[in-house]
Amino acid sequence: MSSKFDNFLQEQLQDPEIRKEYEALQPEHRVIQARIDAEKKSGMLPKELDF
């Protein structure tokens, strides 16, 4: 099931300029998501992980 945001995002990504910028941000988003996942898994606070 798609969320309203997913539908909105897919619609916006039809624009080549928006898609280019979105894709350029993906490496940064992956790093941020990895940090969030590590925090959740460890139960530690962000400043305790310090990476």
Protein backbone atom coordinates (compact mmCIF):
# COMPACT_ATOMS: atom_id res chain seq x y z
CA MET A 1 0.00 0.00 0.00
CA SER A 2 1.37 3.39 -0.98
CA SER A 3 1.26 6.36 1.29
CA LYS A 4 0.23 9.81 0.20
CA PHE A 5 3.87 10.84 0.48
CA ASP A 6 5.02 7.98 -1.75
CA ASN A 7 2.49 9.02 -4.36
CA PHE A 8 3.56 12.65 -4.09
CA LEU A 9 7.24 11.73 -4.34
CA GLN A 10 6.71 9.61 -7.43
CA GLU A 11 4.79 12.44 -9.03
CA GLN A 12 7.53 14.95 -8.24
CA LEU A 13 10.27 12.64 -9.52
CA GLN A 14 8.76 12.83 -12.98
CA ASP A 15 10.45 16.24 -13.25
CA PRO A 16 14.04 15.61 -14.45
CA GLU A 17 15.49 18.48 -12.38
CA ILE A 18 13.85 17.27 -9.20
CA ARG A 19 14.92 13.67 -9.89
CA LYS A 20 18.54 14.79 -10.44
CA GLU A 21 18.65 16.64 -7.11
CA TYR A 22 16.87 13.82 -5.27
CA GLU A 23 19.33 11.25 -6.60
CA ALA A 24 22.30 13.47 -5.73
CA LEU A 25 21.16 13.41 -2.07
CA GLN A 26 20.84 9.63 -1.82
CA PRO A 27 24.39 8.93 -0.54
CA GLU A 28 23.84 11.39 2.31
CA HIS A 29 20.44 9.88 3.08
CA ARG A 30 21.98 6.38 3.27
CA VAL A 31 24.57 7.57 5.80
CA ILE A 32 21.90 9.25 7.91
CA GLN A 33 19.69 6.15 7.79
CA ALA A 34 22.63 3.93 8.80
CA ARG A 35 23.26 6.15 11.82
CA ILE A 36 19.58 6.07 12.81
CA ASP A 37 19.54 2.27 12.47
CA ALA A 38 22.70 1.95 14.59
CA GLU A 39 21.21 4.15 17.29
CA LYS A 40 18.03 2.09 17.41
CA LYS A 41 19.89 -1.22 17.41
CA SER A 42 22.35 -0.24 20.13
CA GLY A 43 19.94 1.73 22.28
CA MET A 44 22.63 4.36 22.68
CA LEU A 45 22.18 8.08 22.34
CA PRO A 46 23.64 9.75 19.22
CA LYS A 47 26.41 11.48 21.19
CA GLU A 48 27.38 8.12 22.74
CA LEU A 49 27.91 6.56 19.31
CA ASP A 50 30.01 9.51 18.17
CA PHE A 51 30.64 8.52 14.55
